[in-house]
Amino acid sequence: MANEPSGDMLGAGLMRELKKRVPDIVFDGIGGPLMESEGMVSLYPMERLSVMGLVEVVKHLPGLLSIRNGLKRHFFASPPNVFIGVDAPDFNLGLEKSLKRNGIPTIHYVSPTVWAWRPGRVKKIRASIDLMLSIFPFEVDFLKSHGIPVNYIGHPLADEIAPDADQMVARRSLNIPSAARVIALLPGSRLSEIEALAATFVETARICLEQAPELRFLVPMVNSKTRAAFESVWQDVAPELDLEVLDGASREAMLSADAVLSASGTATLEALLLKRPMVVAYRLNPLTYWIVKAFNLVKTPYIAMSNLLSGEKVAPEYIQDEATPEALSRALLDMLSSPDKMDYIQSVYNRVHRQLRLDSSAKAADAVLQLLLERT
């Protein structure tokens, strides 16, 4: 059960490994194109679950509850051997709790960020799942201390991305000269993120080009909807800019780049694994941000996963009103002009990559089957 591209990738990897071990296994629930290509029968379009932010969720709540109730009816009528919720904790945990109460084993893949905010959720997690599959090492002690069964499996992206991924191979695939100076812009995979950051990223590119006209900007888009939304903003803000918008190819774009400007999210982990120095921006709905600040809901020193894993702010972070084109362009140009700083960042990212590279989809599949064996 996944709700966005990153979860679709995780779910597809787990499904692939489960099929190796149980060839006649059957999957249904909600997934995207990757999970569907592995045999998932998706009961609802995954995009209907892809909502972020407190205010945004409230607006879509009736539809989300309708989907969750439909899934309950489906799984109660046709109980699976195991239910695996992939991320999406606000949606999946409520469903998992109901299924567990009805005797269906439940696994949650990717720990909710209870170590960062809303720690009170540990009680709900404990009541909802039989096993947590954790993809980050710093989560394990926290979860165990709250009585949550957990298995640390590493991160599938760390297995998928070679430690020595070749920048020149990526550049050749995109017809980029080896000597070019390149920045990749990743304003997000959701339309809400494009709305929040696209104009700022375009303005950032404009300022950078004023000071370094030789720069090239790659803008990979996850689908046609986000591409259209970004291009509309681009044409409104600075149509004269020569930006190279790509269909997909986010990994090739990041690997080709000398530096990355990214929305906070999975892209920052991917940039880390590709050893790309990055600058990170994050902007929420103003009311959502006010609620988070007013009630001190975030308990972590960093927002970017690359920084959380590194244990230090190697990627400059700019949150809400701090995420201005002037600040972002200054950080990018400073990074590009500091070879020693870039070398240090890459050495830190190499260390983190080794910690995460554990053949995680295989470990996840083994953990799922072990739980089922214990239940028989």
Protein backbone atom coordinates (compact mmCIF):
# COMPACT_ATOMS: atom_id res chain seq x y z
CA MET A 1 0.00 0.00 0.00
CA ALA A 2 1.93 3.05 -1.26
CA ASN A 3 0.94 6.67 -1.85
CA GLU A 4 3.77 8.31 -3.82
CA PRO A 5 6.67 7.53 -6.20
CA SER A 6 9.20 6.85 -3.44
CA GLY A 7 6.85 4.34 -1.80
CA ASP A 8 6.09 2.83 -5.20
CA MET A 9 9.81 2.20 -5.65
CA LEU A 10 10.16 0.60 -2.20
CA GLY A 11 7.07 -1.54 -2.65
CA ALA A 12 8.15 -2.75 -6.09
CA GLY A 13 11.56 -3.84 -4.78
CA LEU A 14 9.96 -5.81 -1.95
CA MET A 15 7.45 -7.42 -4.32
CA ARG A 16 10.23 -8.47 -6.67
CA GLU A 17 12.11 -10.21 -3.83
CA LEU A 18 8.96 -11.86 -2.47
CA LYS A 19 8.21 -13.30 -5.92
CA LYS A 20 11.67 -14.90 -5.98
CA ARG A 21 10.84 -16.70 -2.74
CA VAL A 22 7.12 -17.35 -3.35
CA PRO A 23 6.55 -17.50 -7.14
CA ASP A 24 2.76 -17.81 -6.93
CA ILE A 25 2.30 -14.85 -4.57
CA VAL A 26 -0.54 -12.41 -5.37
CA PHE A 27 -0.63 -8.70 -4.54
CA ASP A 28 -3.48 -6.23 -4.28
CA GLY A 29 -3.92 -2.85 -2.57
CA ILE A 30 -2.72 0.50 -3.87
CA GLY A 31 0.47 1.08 -5.84
CA GLY A 32 1.94 3.07 -8.68
CA PRO A 33 3.37 2.02 -12.04
CA LEU A 34 6.41 0.25 -10.57
CA MET A 35 4.33 -1.89 -8.21
CA GLU A 36 1.79 -2.55 -10.96
CA SER A 37 4.61 -3.76 -13.21
CA GLU A 38 5.47 -6.32 -10.51
CA GLY A 39 1.88 -7.61 -10.43
CA MET A 40 0.05 -5.28 -8.06
CA VAL A 41 -3.69 -5.04 -8.68
CA SER A 42 -4.24 -1.42 -7.62
CA LEU A 43 -7.71 -0.92 -6.19
CA TYR A 44 -7.50 2.88 -6.38
CA PRO A 45 -5.17 5.28 -8.24
CA MET A 46 -2.12 5.95 -6.08
CA GLU A 47 -2.29 9.69 -6.83
CA ARG A 48 -5.49 9.98 -4.78
CA LEU A 49 -3.44 9.33 -1.64
CA SER A 50 -0.61 11.73 -2.50
CA VAL A 51 -1.46 14.64 -0.20
CA MET A 52 0.97 16.43 2.13
CA GLY A 53 0.61 19.09 4.84
CA LEU A 54 -1.94 19.42 7.65
CA VAL A 55 -4.19 21.88 5.82
CA GLU A 56 -4.03 19.97 2.54
CA VAL A 57 -4.99 16.67 4.22
CA VAL A 58 -8.02 18.28 5.87
CA LYS A 59 -9.23 19.48 2.46
CA HIS A 60 -8.97 15.96 1.01
CA LEU A 61 -10.07 14.10 4.15
CA PRO A 62 -13.51 12.90 2.95
CA GLY A 63 -11.99 11.24 -0.12
CA LEU A 64 -9.16 9.68 1.89
CA LEU A 65 -11.56 8.26 4.47
CA SER A 66 -13.77 6.87 1.73
CA ILE A 67 -10.79 5.04 0.21
CA ARG A 68 -9.67 3.69 3.57
CA ASN A 69 -13.16 2.40 4.38
CA GLY A 70 -13.34 0.77 0.95
CA LEU A 71 -10.04 -0.98 1.59
CA LYS A 72 -11.22 -2.21 4.98
CA ARG A 73 -14.29 -3.76 3.41
CA HIS A 74 -12.17 -5.38 0.72
CA PHE A 75 -9.60 -6.88 3.11
CA PHE A 76 -12.18 -8.01 5.67
CA ALA A 77 -14.04 -9.81 2.89
CA SER A 78 -10.85 -11.29 1.43
CA PRO A 79 -8.19 -11.36 4.17
CA PRO A 80 -4.57 -11.30 2.95
CA ASN A 81 -1.84 -13.39 4.56
CA VAL A 82 -0.14 -10.13 5.47
CA PHE A 83 -0.76 -6.42 4.93
CA ILE A 84 2.26 -4.19 4.26
CA GLY A 85 1.80 -0.45 4.46
CA VAL A 86 4.57 1.41 2.64
CA ASP A 87 5.18 4.77 4.31
CA ALA A 88 2.03 7.04 4.27
CA PRO A 89 1.61 6.60 8.06
CA ASP A 90 -1.39 8.90 8.49
CA PHE A 91 -3.30 6.77 6.01
CA ASN A 92 -1.82 3.32 6.56
CA LEU A 93 -1.63 3.14 10.35
CA GLY A 94 -5.37 3.57 10.81
CA LEU A 95 -5.99 0.85 8.26
CA GLU A 96 -3.34 -1.39 9.82
CA LYS A 97 -4.89 -1.00 13.27
CA SER A 98 -8.27 -2.19 12.01
CA LEU A 99 -6.76 -5.10 10.11
CA LYS A 100 -4.61 -6.20 13.04
CA ARG A 101 -7.65 -6.20 15.33
CA ASN A 102 -9.26 -8.57 12.86
CA GLY A 103 -6.35 -11.01 12.97
CA ILE A 104 -4.49 -9.91 9.83
CA PRO A 105 -0.70 -9.61 10.35
CA THR A 106 0.48 -6.08 9.61
CA ILE A 107 3.88 -4.71 8.65
CA HIS A 108 4.80 -1.08 8.16
CA TYR A 109 7.64 -0.38 5.73
CA VAL A 110 9.45 2.90 6.52
CA SER A 111 9.15 4.18 10.05
CA PRO A 112 7.03 7.27 10.62
CA THR A 113 9.22 10.15 11.79
CA VAL A 114 8.16 9.80 15.41
CA TRP A 115 11.76 10.55 16.38
CA ALA A 116 11.31 13.97 14.73
CA TRP A 117 7.75 15.04 15.44
CA ARG A 118 4.48 13.84 17.02
CA PRO A 119 6.24 11.25 19.24
CA GLY A 120 2.86 10.41 20.77
CA ARG A 121 2.19 8.33 17.66
CA VAL A 122 4.29 5.49 19.10
CA LYS A 123 1.22 4.22 20.98
CA LYS A 124 -0.77 4.07 17.77
CA ILE A 125 2.10 2.36 15.96
CA ARG A 126 2.42 -0.24 18.70
CA ALA A 127 -1.30 -0.98 18.47
CA SER A 128 -1.28 -1.09 14.67
CA ILE A 129 1.63 -3.24 13.53
CA ASP A 130 3.34 -6.54 14.13
CA LEU A 131 6.65 -5.40 12.62
CA MET A 132 8.37 -2.21 11.49
CA LEU A 133 10.83 -2.35 8.60
CA SER A 134 13.25 0.48 9.27
CA ILE A 135 15.37 1.96 6.47
CA PHE A 136 17.49 4.32 8.59
CA PRO A 137 19.88 3.19 11.34
CA PHE A 138 19.19 6.02 13.79
CA GLU A 139 15.54 4.93 14.14
CA VAL A 140 16.12 1.49 15.65
CA ASP A 141 17.01 2.38 19.25
CA PHE A 142 14.12 4.85 19.48
CA LEU A 143 11.58 2.32 18.22
CA LYS A 144 12.87 -0.50 20.42
CA SER A 145 12.78 1.77 23.47
CA HIS A 146 9.04 2.22 22.85
CA GLY A 147 8.32 -1.49 22.48
CA ILE A 148 7.89 -1.51 18.71
CA PRO A 149 9.22 -4.66 16.96
CA VAL A 150 11.69 -3.43 14.36
CA ASN A 151 14.02 -4.86 11.75
CA TYR A 152 16.65 -2.54 10.24
CA ILE A 153 17.04 -3.42 6.57
CA GLY A 154 18.99 -0.50 5.07
CA HIS A 155 17.68 1.47 2.10
CA PRO A 156 16.93 0.01 -1.36
CA LEU A 157 18.23 3.14 -3.07
CA ALA A 158 21.63 2.53 -1.50
CA ASP A 159 21.68 -0.91 -3.12
CA GLU A 160 20.39 0.36 -6.44
CA ILE A 161 22.88 3.22 -6.79
CA ALA A 162 26.48 2.12 -7.25
CA PRO A 163 28.92 3.67 -4.76
CA ASP A 164 31.05 4.82 -7.70
CA ALA A 165 28.26 6.00 -10.05
CA ASP A 166 29.91 7.59 -13.08
CA GLN A 167 29.06 11.21 -13.77
CA MET A 168 30.42 11.11 -17.32
CA VAL A 169 28.15 8.19 -18.26
CA ALA A 170 25.16 10.18 -17.03
CA ARG A 171 26.30 13.25 -18.96
CA ARG A 172 26.68 11.29 -22.17
CA SER A 173 23.14 9.94 -21.78
CA LEU A 174 21.88 13.54 -21.63
CA ASN A 175 24.29 14.91 -24.27
CA ILE A 176 26.05 17.16 -21.78
CA PRO A 177 29.72 17.99 -22.43
CA SER A 178 32.16 16.69 -19.82
CA ALA A 179 33.44 20.21 -19.04
CA ALA A 180 30.01 21.84 -18.58
CA ARG A 181 29.02 23.33 -15.22
CA VAL A 182 25.59 21.98 -14.36
CA ILE A 183 22.98 22.53 -11.65
CA ALA A 184 19.97 20.22 -11.30
CA LEU A 185 16.73 21.76 -10.03
CA LEU A 186 14.29 19.41 -8.28
CA PRO A 187 11.32 21.42 -7.00
CA GLY A 188 9.40 18.28 -5.98
CA SER A 189 7.32 15.37 -7.25
CA ARG A 190 3.93 16.69 -6.06
CA LEU A 191 1.91 19.46 -7.65
CA SER A 192 1.72 21.17 -4.25
CA GLU A 193 5.53 21.27 -4.10
CA ILE A 194 5.73 22.70 -7.62
CA GLU A 195 3.24 25.38 -6.56
CA ALA A 196 5.30 26.23 -3.51
CA LEU A 197 8.81 26.21 -4.99
CA ALA A 198 8.85 26.43 -8.80
CA ALA A 199 8.88 30.23 -9.02
CA THR A 200 11.60 30.45 -6.38
CA PHE A 201 13.74 27.87 -8.21
CA VAL A 202 13.33 29.65 -11.55
CA GLU A 203 14.32 32.97 -9.97
CA THR A 204 17.29 31.25 -8.35
CA ALA A 205 18.43 30.01 -11.75
CA ARG A 206 18.07 33.51 -13.17
CA ILE A 207 20.29 35.03 -10.46
CA CYS A 208 22.89 32.26 -10.85
CA LEU A 209 23.03 32.82 -14.62
CA GLU A 210 23.54 36.53 -14.14
CA GLN A 211 26.69 35.77 -12.14
CA ALA A 212 27.80 32.60 -13.96
CA PRO A 213 26.37 32.62 -17.52
CA GLU A 214 28.10 29.35 -18.41
CA LEU A 215 25.86 27.34 -16.07
CA ARG A 216 23.37 24.81 -17.45
CA PHE A 217 20.19 23.95 -15.56
CA LEU A 218 18.47 20.55 -15.75
CA VAL A 219 14.92 20.24 -14.43
CA PRO A 220 13.66 16.62 -14.30
CA MET A 221 9.90 16.24 -13.89
CA VAL A 222 8.24 13.11 -12.56
CA ASN A 223 5.21 13.22 -14.90
CA SER A 224 3.38 15.31 -17.48
CA LYS A 225 1.25 17.09 -14.86
CA THR A 226 4.21 18.34 -12.85
CA ARG A 227 6.03 19.25 -16.07
CA ALA A 228 3.10 21.33 -17.28
CA ALA A 229 2.80 23.04 -13.89
CA PHE A 230 6.52 23.85 -13.81
CA GLU A 231 6.62 25.10 -17.38
CA SER A 232 3.64 27.36 -16.74
CA VAL A 233 5.47 28.98 -13.82
CA TRP A 234 8.70 29.21 -15.83
CA GLN A 235 6.92 31.05 -18.65
CA ASP A 236 5.31 33.44 -16.18
CA VAL A 237 8.48 34.18 -14.19
CA ALA A 238 11.39 34.12 -16.62
CA PRO A 239 10.57 32.75 -20.10
CA GLU A 240 13.90 33.97 -21.42
CA LEU A 241 15.85 31.46 -19.31
CA ASP A 242 17.31 28.46 -21.11
CA LEU A 243 16.24 25.65 -18.77
CA GLU A 244 16.37 22.00 -19.89
CA VAL A 245 13.19 20.33 -18.65
CA LEU A 246 13.39 16.53 -18.73
CA ASP A 247 10.74 13.82 -18.63
CA GLY A 248 11.86 11.68 -15.74
CA ALA A 249 15.64 11.11 -15.73
CA SER A 250 15.98 12.67 -12.28
CA ARG A 251 18.86 10.36 -11.36
CA GLU A 252 20.75 11.11 -14.57
CA ALA A 253 20.14 14.83 -14.06
CA MET A 254 21.42 14.76 -10.48
CA LEU A 255 24.44 12.62 -11.32
CA SER A 256 25.28 14.90 -14.25
CA ALA A 257 25.13 17.96 -12.02
CA ASP A 258 27.93 19.63 -10.12
CA ALA A 259 25.35 20.72 -7.52
CA VAL A 260 21.67 20.14 -6.84
CA LEU A 261 18.91 22.46 -5.62
CA SER A 262 16.19 20.25 -4.21
CA ALA A 263 12.94 20.32 -2.31
CA SER A 264 13.25 18.44 0.95
CA GLY A 265 12.26 14.82 0.45
CA THR A 266 13.50 11.56 -1.03
CA ALA A 267 15.46 13.50 -3.67
CA THR A 268 17.91 14.64 -0.99
CA LEU A 269 18.68 11.01 -0.11
CA GLU A 270 19.18 10.18 -3.78
CA ALA A 271 21.48 13.17 -4.21
CA LEU A 272 23.46 11.97 -1.18
CA LEU A 273 23.84 8.49 -2.64
CA LEU A 274 24.98 10.04 -5.94
CA LYS A 275 27.51 12.09 -3.92
CA ARG A 276 26.09 15.37 -5.22
CA PRO A 277 26.55 18.49 -3.08
CA MET A 278 23.14 20.06 -2.59
CA VAL A 279 21.14 22.98 -1.27
CA VAL A 280 17.71 22.17 0.19
CA ALA A 281 14.54 24.26 0.28
CA TYR A 282 11.29 23.54 2.08
CA ARG A 283 8.06 25.51 2.03
CA LEU A 284 4.69 24.48 3.48
CA ASN A 285 1.24 26.01 3.37
CA PRO A 286 1.59 29.06 5.68
CA LEU A 287 -1.09 27.80 8.10
CA THR A 288 0.52 24.35 8.25
CA TYR A 289 3.89 25.97 8.96
CA TRP A 290 2.38 28.20 11.68
CA ILE A 291 0.83 25.17 13.39
CA VAL A 292 4.13 23.27 13.26
CA LYS A 293 6.04 26.22 14.74
CA ALA A 294 3.42 27.29 17.28
CA PHE A 295 3.13 23.84 18.80
CA ASN A 296 6.82 22.94 18.43
CA LEU A 297 5.90 19.80 16.52
CA VAL A 298 9.29 19.20 14.91
CA LYS A 299 11.93 17.73 17.23
CA THR A 300 14.85 17.29 14.82
CA PRO A 301 17.73 19.66 14.11
CA TYR A 302 17.53 19.23 10.31
CA ILE A 303 14.82 18.83 7.68
CA ALA A 304 16.86 17.19 4.91
CA MET A 305 17.36 13.43 5.18
CA SER A 306 20.87 13.91 3.80
CA ASN A 307 21.72 16.00 6.87
CA LEU A 308 19.96 13.69 9.34
CA LEU A 309 21.95 10.74 8.02
CA SER A 310 25.19 12.69 7.91
CA GLY A 311 24.72 13.99 11.45
CA GLU A 312 25.69 17.49 10.34
CA LYS A 313 24.37 20.22 8.06
CA VAL A 314 26.50 19.47 5.01
CA ALA A 315 23.58 20.57 2.81
CA PRO A 316 22.46 24.15 3.52
CA GLU A 317 18.75 24.25 4.41
CA TYR A 318 16.35 27.11 3.74
CA ILE A 319 12.90 26.83 5.29
CA GLN A 320 9.73 28.79 4.48
CA ASP A 321 10.55 32.54 4.21
CA GLU A 322 14.29 31.81 4.29
CA ALA A 323 13.94 30.01 0.94
CA THR A 324 14.51 33.09 -1.20
CA PRO A 325 16.13 33.14 -4.65
CA GLU A 326 18.89 35.35 -3.28
CA ALA A 327 19.75 32.95 -0.45
CA LEU A 328 19.53 29.82 -2.60
CA SER A 329 21.62 31.25 -5.45
CA ARG A 330 24.25 32.48 -3.01
CA ALA A 331 24.51 29.03 -1.42
CA LEU A 332 24.77 27.27 -4.79
CA LEU A 333 27.42 29.61 -6.17
CA ASP A 334 29.40 29.43 -2.94
CA MET A 335 29.34 25.64 -3.11
CA LEU A 336 30.48 25.59 -6.75
CA SER A 337 33.38 27.88 -5.93
CA SER A 338 34.62 25.79 -2.98
CA PRO A 339 36.30 22.55 -4.20
CA ASP A 340 37.50 21.65 -0.70
CA LYS A 341 33.97 21.94 0.66
CA MET A 342 32.61 19.78 -2.16
CA ASP A 343 35.29 17.13 -1.56
CA TYR A 344 34.40 17.00 2.14
CA ILE A 345 30.67 16.68 1.39
CA GLN A 346 31.34 13.80 -0.99
CA SER A 347 33.48 12.00 1.61
CA VAL A 348 30.66 12.26 4.16
CA TYR A 349 28.13 10.97 1.63
CA ASN A 350 30.39 8.01 0.80
CA ARG A 351 30.42 7.00 4.47
CA VAL A 352 26.63 7.19 4.75
CA HIS A 353 26.16 5.20 1.54
CA ARG A 354 28.15 2.30 3.00
CA GLN A 355 25.97 2.29 6.13
CA LEU A 356 22.76 2.05 4.09
CA ARG A 357 23.84 -0.51 1.48
CA LEU A 358 22.57 -3.82 2.94
CA ASP A 359 20.58 -5.54 0.14
CA SER A 360 17.50 -4.15 1.81
CA SER A 361 14.70 -5.44 -0.42
CA ALA A 362 15.96 -8.99 0.15
CA LYS A 363 16.21 -8.37 3.91
CA ALA A 364 12.68 -6.95 3.88
CA ALA A 365 11.30 -9.98 2.03
CA ASP A 366 13.00 -12.34 4.49
CA ALA A 367 11.54 -10.38 7.42
CA VAL A 368 8.03 -10.57 5.94
CA LEU A 369 8.25 -14.33 5.42
CA GLN A 370 9.77 -14.86 8.87
CA LEU A 371 6.80 -13.08 10.45
CA LEU A 372 4.40 -15.26 8.50
CA LEU A 373 6.31 -18.38 9.54
CA GLU A 374 6.04 -17.36 13.18
CA ARG A 375 2.29 -16.89 12.76
CA THR A 376 1.65 -20.36 11.33
